[in-house]
Amino acid sequence: MHGYAQTKASHLRRLRRIEGQVRGLQRMIETDEYCIDVLTQISAATRALQAVSLGLLDEHLKHCVSQAITAGGTEADAKIAEASDAIARLVRS
């Protein structure tokens, strides 16, 4: 079971909302909306995706990484490295 199993429905709702935002962005471009308005909506969609990713990261640390640390050994090292890599990707994005 993944760390987000208990909040899966919430994540899916948020992602569906983001999907709607992206479809709205497509419509804005199709109807030649003002560029600053489009950029504002892109920023909102980006922040929404970041919120989902931070929630998933938090759950991963609390569930998967903490279990691996409890188990110890190379699995713990691998999970910590994996989490560090994920954090680095989020920071770069």
PDB file of N, CA and C in Angstrom:
ATOM      1  N   MET A   1       0.844  -1.175   0.000  1.00  0.00           N
ATOM      2  CA  MET A   1       0.000   0.000   0.000  1.00  0.00           C
ATOM      3  C   MET A   1       0.895   1.247   0.000  1.00  0.00           C
ATOM      4  N   HIS A   2       0.502   2.240  -0.790  1.00  0.00           N
ATOM      5  CA  HIS A   2       1.268   3.480  -0.887  1.00  0.00           C
ATOM      6  C   HIS A   2       0.896   4.434   0.246  1.00  0.00           C
ATOM      7  N   GLY A   3       1.786   5.377   0.514  1.00  0.00           N
ATOM      8  CA  GLY A   3       1.563   6.338   1.584  1.00  0.00           C
ATOM      9  C   GLY A   3       0.341   7.208   1.377  1.00  0.00           C
ATOM     10  N   TYR A   4      -0.094   7.382   0.146  1.00  0.00           N
ATOM     11  CA  TYR A   4      -1.230   8.249  -0.130  1.00  0.00           C
ATOM     12  C   TYR A   4      -2.556   7.487  -0.161  1.00  0.00           C
ATOM     13  N   ALA A   5      -2.558   6.223   0.196  1.00  0.00           N
ATOM     14  CA  ALA A   5      -3.760   5.385   0.077  1.00  0.00           C
ATOM     15  C   ALA A   5      -4.958   5.993   0.797  1.00  0.00           C
ATOM     16  N   GLN A   6      -4.752   6.565   1.973  1.00  0.00           N
ATOM     17  CA  GLN A   6      -5.873   7.117   2.736  1.00  0.00           C
ATOM     18  C   GLN A   6      -6.361   8.449   2.184  1.00  0.00           C
ATOM     19  N   THR A   7      -5.552   9.133   1.411  1.00  0.00           N
ATOM     20  CA  THR A   7      -5.938  10.436   0.859  1.00  0.00           C
ATOM     21  C   THR A   7      -6.080  10.394  -0.662  1.00  0.00           C
ATOM     22  N   LYS A   8      -6.150   9.193  -1.200  1.00  0.00           N
ATOM     23  CA  LYS A   8      -6.221   9.011  -2.648  1.00  0.00           C
ATOM     24  C   LYS A   8      -7.398   9.772  -3.251  1.00  0.00           C
ATOM     25  N   ALA A   9      -8.568   9.683  -2.636  1.00  0.00           N
ATOM     26  CA  ALA A   9      -9.757  10.358  -3.175  1.00  0.00           C
ATOM     27  C   ALA A   9      -9.556  11.871  -3.211  1.00  0.00           C
ATOM     28  N   SER A  10      -8.939  12.413  -2.192  1.00  0.00           N
ATOM     29  CA  SER A  10      -8.666  13.851  -2.143  1.00  0.00           C
ATOM     30  C   SER A  10      -7.695  14.263  -3.240  1.00  0.00           C
ATOM     31  N   HIS A  11      -6.657  13.479  -3.434  1.00  0.00           N
ATOM     32  CA  HIS A  11      -5.686  13.774  -4.493  1.00  0.00           C
ATOM     33  C   HIS A  11      -6.348  13.706  -5.864  1.00  0.00           C
ATOM     34  N   LEU A  12      -7.192  12.715  -6.057  1.00  0.00           N
ATOM     35  CA  LEU A  12      -7.873  12.580  -7.344  1.00  0.00           C
ATOM     36  C   LEU A  12      -8.811  13.765  -7.598  1.00  0.00           C
ATOM     37  N   ARG A  13      -9.520  14.223  -6.556  1.00  0.00           N
ATOM     38  CA  ARG A  13     -10.376  15.408  -6.714  1.00  0.00           C
ATOM     39  C   ARG A  13      -9.564  16.622  -7.119  1.00  0.00           C
ATOM     40  N   ARG A  14      -8.439  16.817  -6.457  1.00  0.00           N
ATOM     41  CA  ARG A  14      -7.585  17.966  -6.777  1.00  0.00           C
ATOM     42  C   ARG A  14      -7.041  17.872  -8.195  1.00  0.00           C
ATOM     43  N   LEU A  15      -6.626  16.678  -8.594  1.00  0.00           N
ATOM     44  CA  LEU A  15      -6.094  16.502  -9.945  1.00  0.00           C
ATOM     45  C   LEU A  15      -7.173  16.710 -11.008  1.00  0.00           C
ATOM     46  N   ARG A  16      -8.397  16.298 -10.707  1.00  0.00           N
ATOM     47  CA  ARG A  16      -9.487  16.550 -11.661  1.00  0.00           C
ATOM     48  C   ARG A  16      -9.763  18.046 -11.786  1.00  0.00           C
ATOM     49  N   ARG A  17      -9.672  18.756 -10.666  1.00  0.00           N
ATOM     50  CA  ARG A  17      -9.842  20.209 -10.691  1.00  0.00           C
ATOM     51  C   ARG A  17      -8.742  20.855 -11.532  1.00  0.00           C
ATOM     52  N   ILE A  18      -7.521  20.376 -11.370  1.00  0.00           N
ATOM     53  CA  ILE A  18      -6.395  20.890 -12.157  1.00  0.00           C
ATOM     54  C   ILE A  18      -6.600  20.572 -13.636  1.00  0.00           C
ATOM     55  N   GLU A  19      -7.089  19.387 -13.910  1.00  0.00           N
ATOM     56  CA  GLU A  19      -7.378  19.013 -15.295  1.00  0.00           C
ATOM     57  C   GLU A  19      -8.378  20.000 -15.900  1.00  0.00           C
ATOM     58  N   GLY A  20      -9.383  20.381 -15.122  1.00  0.00           N
ATOM     59  CA  GLY A  20     -10.343  21.379 -15.582  1.00  0.00           C
ATOM     60  C   GLY A  20      -9.689  22.728 -15.819  1.00  0.00           C
ATOM     61  N   GLN A  21      -8.754  23.086 -14.942  1.00  0.00           N
ATOM     62  CA  GLN A  21      -8.028  24.343 -15.127  1.00  0.00           C
ATOM     63  C   GLN A  21      -7.249  24.324 -16.444  1.00  0.00           C
ATOM     64  N   VAL A  22      -6.614  23.206 -16.738  1.00  0.00           N
ATOM     65  CA  VAL A  22      -5.820  23.103 -17.963  1.00  0.00           C
ATOM     66  C   VAL A  22      -6.736  23.165 -19.185  1.00  0.00           C
ATOM     67  N   ARG A  23      -7.897  22.516 -19.103  1.00  0.00           N
ATOM     68  CA  ARG A  23      -8.846  22.627 -20.221  1.00  0.00           C
ATOM     69  C   ARG A  23      -9.297  24.076 -20.385  1.00  0.00           C
ATOM     70  N   GLY A  24      -9.484  24.763 -19.267  1.00  0.00           N
ATOM     71  CA  GLY A  24      -9.834  26.179 -19.329  1.00  0.00           C
ATOM     72  C   GLY A  24      -8.735  26.995 -19.994  1.00  0.00           C
ATOM     73  N   LEU A  25      -7.504  26.654 -19.724  1.00  0.00           N
ATOM     74  CA  LEU A  25      -6.377  27.327 -20.371  1.00  0.00           C
ATOM     75  C   LEU A  25      -6.402  27.113 -21.879  1.00  0.00           C
ATOM     76  N   GLN A  26      -6.712  25.901 -22.287  1.00  0.00           N
ATOM     77  CA  GLN A  26      -6.809  25.629 -23.724  1.00  0.00           C
ATOM     78  C   GLN A  26      -7.887  26.506 -24.357  1.00  0.00           C
ATOM     79  N   ARG A  27      -9.036  26.605 -23.670  1.00  0.00           N
ATOM     80  CA  ARG A  27     -10.114  27.449 -24.197  1.00  0.00           C
ATOM     81  C   ARG A  27      -9.698  28.911 -24.258  1.00  0.00           C
ATOM     82  N   MET A  28      -8.945  29.351 -23.247  1.00  0.00           N
ATOM     83  CA  MET A  28      -8.482  30.743 -23.235  1.00  0.00           C
ATOM     84  C   MET A  28      -7.607  31.033 -24.454  1.00  0.00           C
ATOM     85  N   ILE A  29      -6.725  30.105 -24.774  1.00  0.00           N
ATOM     86  CA  ILE A  29      -5.860  30.280 -25.945  1.00  0.00           C
ATOM     87  C   ILE A  29      -6.700  30.233 -27.225  1.00  0.00           C
ATOM     88  N   GLU A  30      -7.628  29.264 -27.291  1.00  0.00           N
ATOM     89  CA  GLU A  30      -8.478  29.147 -28.488  1.00  0.00           C
ATOM     90  C   GLU A  30      -9.296  30.412 -28.739  1.00  0.00           C
ATOM     91  N   THR A  31      -9.713  31.074 -27.664  1.00  0.00           N
ATOM     92  CA  THR A  31     -10.558  32.270 -27.816  1.00  0.00           C
ATOM     93  C   THR A  31      -9.753  33.563 -27.733  1.00  0.00           C
ATOM     94  N   ASP A  32      -8.435  33.441 -27.826  1.00  0.00           N
ATOM     95  CA  ASP A  32      -7.543  34.604 -27.870  1.00  0.00           C
ATOM     96  C   ASP A  32      -7.696  35.540 -26.667  1.00  0.00           C
ATOM     97  N   GLU A  33      -7.733  34.941 -25.473  1.00  0.00           N
ATOM     98  CA  GLU A  33      -7.803  35.744 -24.256  1.00  0.00           C
ATOM     99  C   GLU A  33      -6.496  36.524 -24.064  1.00  0.00           C
ATOM    100  N   TYR A  34      -6.577  37.548 -23.258  1.00  0.00           N
ATOM    101  CA  TYR A  34      -5.431  38.412 -22.968  1.00  0.00           C
ATOM    102  C   TYR A  34      -4.314  37.578 -22.332  1.00  0.00           C
ATOM    103  N   CYS A  35      -3.089  37.770 -22.824  1.00  0.00           N
ATOM    104  CA  CYS A  35      -1.966  36.924 -22.424  1.00  0.00           C
ATOM    105  C   CYS A  35      -1.710  36.945 -20.919  1.00  0.00           C
ATOM    106  N   ILE A  36      -1.851  38.085 -20.275  1.00  0.00           N
ATOM    107  CA  ILE A  36      -1.610  38.159 -18.828  1.00  0.00           C
ATOM    108  C   ILE A  36      -2.647  37.328 -18.078  1.00  0.00           C
ATOM    109  N   ASP A  37      -3.888  37.311 -18.569  1.00  0.00           N
ATOM    110  CA  ASP A  37      -4.916  36.483 -17.941  1.00  0.00           C
ATOM    111  C   ASP A  37      -4.575  34.999 -18.074  1.00  0.00           C
ATOM    112  N   VAL A  38      -4.061  34.619 -19.234  1.00  0.00           N
ATOM    113  CA  VAL A  38      -3.648  33.225 -19.443  1.00  0.00           C
ATOM    114  C   VAL A  38      -2.495  32.892 -18.509  1.00  0.00           C
ATOM    115  N   LEU A  39      -1.518  33.764 -18.428  1.00  0.00           N
ATOM    116  CA  LEU A  39      -0.371  33.525 -17.546  1.00  0.00           C
ATOM    117  C   LEU A  39      -0.793  33.427 -16.082  1.00  0.00           C
ATOM    118  N   THR A  40      -1.750  34.223 -15.686  1.00  0.00           N
ATOM    119  CA  THR A  40      -2.260  34.157 -14.314  1.00  0.00           C
ATOM    120  C   THR A  40      -2.876  32.794 -14.036  1.00  0.00           C
ATOM    121  N   GLN A  41      -3.636  32.282 -14.988  1.00  0.00           N
ATOM    122  CA  GLN A  41      -4.251  30.966 -14.811  1.00  0.00           C
ATOM    123  C   GLN A  41      -3.219  29.843 -14.853  1.00  0.00           C
ATOM    124  N   ILE A  42      -2.183  30.001 -15.661  1.00  0.00           N
ATOM    125  CA  ILE A  42      -1.099  29.012 -15.675  1.00  0.00           C
ATOM    126  C   ILE A  42      -0.418  28.972 -14.312  1.00  0.00           C
ATOM    127  N   SER A  43      -0.193  30.140 -13.732  1.00  0.00           N
ATOM    128  CA  SER A  43       0.413  30.217 -12.406  1.00  0.00           C
ATOM    129  C   SER A  43      -0.451  29.509 -11.366  1.00  0.00           C
ATOM    130  N   ALA A  44      -1.766  29.700 -11.443  1.00  0.00           N
ATOM    131  CA  ALA A  44      -2.675  29.045 -10.501  1.00  0.00           C
ATOM    132  C   ALA A  44      -2.629  27.522 -10.666  1.00  0.00           C
ATOM    133  N   ALA A  45      -2.602  27.038 -11.898  1.00  0.00           N
ATOM    134  CA  ALA A  45      -2.535  25.599 -12.143  1.00  0.00           C
ATOM    135  C   ALA A  45      -1.197  25.029 -11.651  1.00  0.00           C
ATOM    136  N   THR A  46      -0.140  25.775 -11.850  1.00  0.00           N
ATOM    137  CA  THR A  46       1.177  25.340 -11.388  1.00  0.00           C
ATOM    138  C   THR A  46       1.199  25.231  -9.864  1.00  0.00           C
ATOM    139  N   ARG A  47       0.660  26.232  -9.186  1.00  0.00           N
ATOM    140  CA  ARG A  47       0.604  26.187  -7.712  1.00  0.00           C
ATOM    141  C   ARG A  47      -0.238  25.016  -7.234  1.00  0.00           C
ATOM    142  N   ALA A  48      -1.326  24.734  -7.931  1.00  0.00           N
ATOM    143  CA  ALA A  48      -2.173  23.608  -7.552  1.00  0.00           C
ATOM    144  C   ALA A  48      -1.421  22.284  -7.698  1.00  0.00           C
ATOM    145  N   LEU A  49      -0.676  22.117  -8.782  1.00  0.00           N
ATOM    146  CA  LEU A  49       0.136  20.906  -8.961  1.00  0.00           C
ATOM    147  C   LEU A  49       1.226  20.809  -7.897  1.00  0.00           C
ATOM    148  N   GLN A  50       1.824  21.935  -7.557  1.00  0.00           N
ATOM    149  CA  GLN A  50       2.842  21.932  -6.511  1.00  0.00           C
ATOM    150  C   GLN A  50       2.250  21.496  -5.173  1.00  0.00           C
ATOM    151  N   ALA A  51       1.029  21.932  -4.885  1.00  0.00           N
ATOM    152  CA  ALA A  51       0.380  21.546  -3.635  1.00  0.00           C
ATOM    153  C   ALA A  51       0.139  20.040  -3.595  1.00  0.00           C
ATOM    154  N   VAL A  52      -0.285  19.469  -4.703  1.00  0.00           N
ATOM    155  CA  VAL A  52      -0.490  18.023  -4.764  1.00  0.00           C
ATOM    156  C   VAL A  52       0.845  17.304  -4.570  1.00  0.00           C
ATOM    157  N   SER A  53       1.875  17.778  -5.247  1.00  0.00           N
ATOM    158  CA  SER A  53       3.173  17.104  -5.146  1.00  0.00           C
ATOM    159  C   SER A  53       3.742  17.199  -3.732  1.00  0.00           C
ATOM    160  N   LEU A  54       3.569  18.327  -3.079  1.00  0.00           N
ATOM    161  CA  LEU A  54       4.057  18.446  -1.695  1.00  0.00           C
ATOM    162  C   LEU A  54       3.287  17.534  -0.754  1.00  0.00           C
ATOM    163  N   GLY A  55       1.990  17.406  -0.986  1.00  0.00           N
ATOM    164  CA  GLY A  55       1.200  16.481  -0.170  1.00  0.00           C
ATOM    165  C   GLY A  55       1.650  15.050  -0.352  1.00  0.00           C
ATOM    166  N   LEU A  56       1.887  14.657  -1.603  1.00  0.00           N
ATOM    167  CA  LEU A  56       2.367  13.298  -1.872  1.00  0.00           C
ATOM    168  C   LEU A  56       3.753  13.069  -1.277  1.00  0.00           C
ATOM    169  N   LEU A  57       4.609  14.071  -1.368  1.00  0.00           N
ATOM    170  CA  LEU A  57       5.950  13.946  -0.790  1.00  0.00           C
ATOM    171  C   LEU A  57       5.867  13.774   0.721  1.00  0.00           C
ATOM    172  N   ASP A  58       5.029  14.563   1.361  1.00  0.00           N
ATOM    173  CA  ASP A  58       4.852  14.465   2.809  1.00  0.00           C
ATOM    174  C   ASP A  58       4.380  13.064   3.193  1.00  0.00           C
ATOM    175  N   GLU A  59       3.404  12.547   2.465  1.00  0.00           N
ATOM    176  CA  GLU A  59       2.895  11.211   2.756  1.00  0.00           C
ATOM    177  C   GLU A  59       3.952  10.148   2.490  1.00  0.00           C
ATOM    178  N   HIS A  60       4.752  10.344   1.453  1.00  0.00           N
ATOM    179  CA  HIS A  60       5.826   9.392   1.151  1.00  0.00           C
ATOM    180  C   HIS A  60       6.841   9.361   2.303  1.00  0.00           C
ATOM    181  N   LEU A  61       7.203  10.532   2.788  1.00  0.00           N
ATOM    182  CA  LEU A  61       8.164  10.582   3.896  1.00  0.00           C
ATOM    183  C   LEU A  61       7.596   9.924   5.150  1.00  0.00           C
ATOM    184  N   LYS A  62       6.346  10.222   5.459  1.00  0.00           N
ATOM    185  CA  LYS A  62       5.728   9.686   6.680  1.00  0.00           C
ATOM    186  C   LYS A  62       5.486   8.189   6.608  1.00  0.00           C
ATOM    187  N   HIS A  63       5.216   7.682   5.425  1.00  0.00           N
ATOM    188  CA  HIS A  63       4.867   6.267   5.300  1.00  0.00           C
ATOM    189  C   HIS A  63       6.043   5.432   4.780  1.00  0.00           C
ATOM    190  N   CYS A  64       6.396   5.643   3.551  1.00  0.00           N
ATOM    191  CA  CYS A  64       7.385   4.776   2.893  1.00  0.00           C
ATOM    192  C   CYS A  64       8.787   4.938   3.483  1.00  0.00           C
ATOM    193  N   VAL A  65       9.216   6.193   3.629  1.00  0.00           N
ATOM    194  CA  VAL A  65      10.574   6.422   4.130  1.00  0.00           C
ATOM    195  C   VAL A  65      10.683   6.017   5.597  1.00  0.00           C
ATOM    196  N   SER A  66       9.683   6.379   6.399  1.00  0.00           N
ATOM    197  CA  SER A  66       9.769   6.022   7.821  1.00  0.00           C
ATOM    198  C   SER A  66       9.757   4.510   8.014  1.00  0.00           C
ATOM    199  N   GLN A  67       8.965   3.784   7.219  1.00  0.00           N
ATOM    200  CA  GLN A  67       8.978   2.318   7.309  1.00  0.00           C
ATOM    201  C   GLN A  67      10.335   1.750   6.922  1.00  0.00           C
ATOM    202  N   ALA A  68      10.934   2.323   5.888  1.00  0.00           N
ATOM    203  CA  ALA A  68      12.248   1.843   5.455  1.00  0.00           C
ATOM    204  C   ALA A  68      13.304   2.120   6.517  1.00  0.00           C
ATOM    205  N   ILE A  69      13.208   3.279   7.158  1.00  0.00           N
ATOM    206  CA  ILE A  69      14.176   3.604   8.216  1.00  0.00           C
ATOM    207  C   ILE A  69      14.015   2.638   9.382  1.00  0.00           C
ATOM    208  N   THR A  70      12.784   2.318   9.716  1.00  0.00           N
ATOM    209  CA  THR A  70      12.539   1.352  10.785  1.00  0.00           C
ATOM    210  C   THR A  70      13.130  -0.008  10.437  1.00  0.00           C
ATOM    211  N   ALA A  71      12.998  -0.394   9.167  1.00  0.00           N
ATOM    212  CA  ALA A  71      13.560  -1.676   8.717  1.00  0.00           C
ATOM    213  C   ALA A  71      15.082  -1.628   8.692  1.00  0.00           C
ATOM    214  N   GLY A  72      15.622  -0.433   8.392  1.00  0.00           N
ATOM    215  CA  GLY A  72      17.071  -0.254   8.379  1.00  0.00           C
ATOM    216  C   GLY A  72      17.743  -0.832   7.155  1.00  0.00           C
ATOM    217  N   GLY A  73      19.049  -0.800   7.175  1.00  0.00           N
ATOM    218  CA  GLY A  73      19.846  -1.391   6.112  1.00  0.00           C
ATOM    219  C   GLY A  73      19.838  -0.598   4.824  1.00  0.00           C
ATOM    220  N   THR A  74      20.097  -1.302   3.745  1.00  0.00           N
ATOM    221  CA  THR A  74      20.221  -0.648   2.444  1.00  0.00           C
ATOM    222  C   THR A  74      18.894  -0.104   1.941  1.00  0.00           C
ATOM    223  N   GLU A  75      17.781  -0.729   2.368  1.00  0.00           N
ATOM    224  CA  GLU A  75      16.460  -0.223   1.969  1.00  0.00           C
ATOM    225  C   GLU A  75      16.254   1.199   2.493  1.00  0.00           C
ATOM    226  N   ALA A  76      16.668   1.440   3.717  1.00  0.00           N
ATOM    227  CA  ALA A  76      16.542   2.777   4.298  1.00  0.00           C
ATOM    228  C   ALA A  76      17.377   3.780   3.510  1.00  0.00           C
ATOM    229  N   ASP A  77      18.597   3.415   3.215  1.00  0.00           N
ATOM    230  CA  ASP A  77      19.459   4.312   2.438  1.00  0.00           C
ATOM    231  C   ASP A  77      18.861   4.606   1.071  1.00  0.00           C
ATOM    232  N   ALA A  78      18.307   3.583   0.437  1.00  0.00           N
ATOM    233  CA  ALA A  78      17.724   3.753  -0.890  1.00  0.00           C
ATOM    234  C   ALA A  78      16.499   4.664  -0.845  1.00  0.00           C
ATOM    235  N   LYS A  79      15.644   4.484   0.159  1.00  0.00           N
ATOM    236  CA  LYS A  79      14.435   5.319   0.264  1.00  0.00           C
ATOM    237  C   LYS A  79      14.793   6.766   0.564  1.00  0.00           C
ATOM    238  N   ILE A  80      15.802   6.985   1.382  1.00  0.00           N
ATOM    239  CA  ILE A  80      16.232   8.350   1.689  1.00  0.00           C
ATOM    240  C   ILE A  80      16.805   9.007   0.436  1.00  0.00           C
ATOM    241  N   ALA A  81      17.607   8.276  -0.318  1.00  0.00           N
ATOM    242  CA  ALA A  81      18.167   8.809  -1.567  1.00  0.00           C
ATOM    243  C   ALA A  81      17.051   9.105  -2.560  1.00  0.00           C
ATOM    244  N   GLU A  82      16.085   8.217  -2.652  1.00  0.00           N
ATOM    245  CA  GLU A  82      14.948   8.403  -3.550  1.00  0.00           C
ATOM    246  C   GLU A  82      14.157   9.665  -3.168  1.00  0.00           C
ATOM    247  N   ALA A  83      13.912   9.846  -1.882  1.00  0.00           N
ATOM    248  CA  ALA A  83      13.188  11.033  -1.417  1.00  0.00           C
ATOM    249  C   ALA A  83      13.999  12.302  -1.683  1.00  0.00           C
ATOM    250  N   SER A  84      15.293  12.243  -1.461  1.00  0.00           N
ATOM    251  CA  SER A  84      16.147  13.404  -1.727  1.00  0.00           C
ATOM    252  C   SER A  84      16.115  13.777  -3.207  1.00  0.00           C
ATOM    253  N   ASP A  85      16.141  12.776  -4.057  1.00  0.00           N
ATOM    254  CA  ASP A  85      16.069  13.027  -5.502  1.00  0.00           C
ATOM    255  C   ASP A  85      14.731  13.655  -5.878  1.00  0.00           C
ATOM    256  N   ALA A  86      13.658  13.173  -5.272  1.00  0.00           N
ATOM    257  CA  ALA A  86      12.321  13.734  -5.552  1.00  0.00           C
ATOM    258  C   ALA A  86      12.248  15.181  -5.103  1.00  0.00           C
ATOM    259  N   ILE A  87      12.803  15.481  -3.946  1.00  0.00           N
ATOM    260  CA  ILE A  87      12.824  16.860  -3.445  1.00  0.00           C
ATOM    261  C   ILE A  87      13.613  17.751  -4.388  1.00  0.00           C
ATOM    262  N   ALA A  88      14.746  17.258  -4.845  1.00  0.00           N
ATOM    263  CA  ALA A  88      15.573  18.025  -5.775  1.00  0.00           C
ATOM    264  C   ALA A  88      14.812  18.328  -7.068  1.00  0.00           C
ATOM    265  N   ARG A  89      14.077  17.349  -7.574  1.00  0.00           N
ATOM    266  CA  ARG A  89      13.285  17.582  -8.793  1.00  0.00           C
ATOM    267  C   ARG A  89      12.199  18.621  -8.543  1.00  0.00           C
ATOM    268  N   LEU A  90      11.570  18.573  -7.387  1.00  0.00           N
ATOM    269  CA  LEU A  90      10.522  19.560  -7.080  1.00  0.00           C
ATOM    270  C   LEU A  90      11.106  20.957  -6.949  1.00  0.00           C
ATOM    271  N   VAL A  91      12.263  21.058  -6.361  1.00  0.00           N
ATOM    272  CA  VAL A  91      12.892  22.373  -6.189  1.00  0.00           C
ATOM    273  C   VAL A  91      13.278  22.973  -7.545  1.00  0.00           C
ATOM    274  N   ARG A  92      13.733  22.128  -8.462  1.00  0.00           N
ATOM    275  CA  ARG A  92      14.133  22.599  -9.785  1.00  0.00           C
ATOM    276  C   ARG A  92      12.944  22.995 -10.652  1.00  0.00           C
ATOM    277  N   SER A  93      11.784  22.421 -10.370  1.00  0.00           N
ATOM    278  CA  SER A  93      10.631  22.672 -11.245  1.00  0.00           C
ATOM    279  C   SER A  93       9.936  23.995 -10.963  1.00  0.00           C
TER     280      SER A  93
END
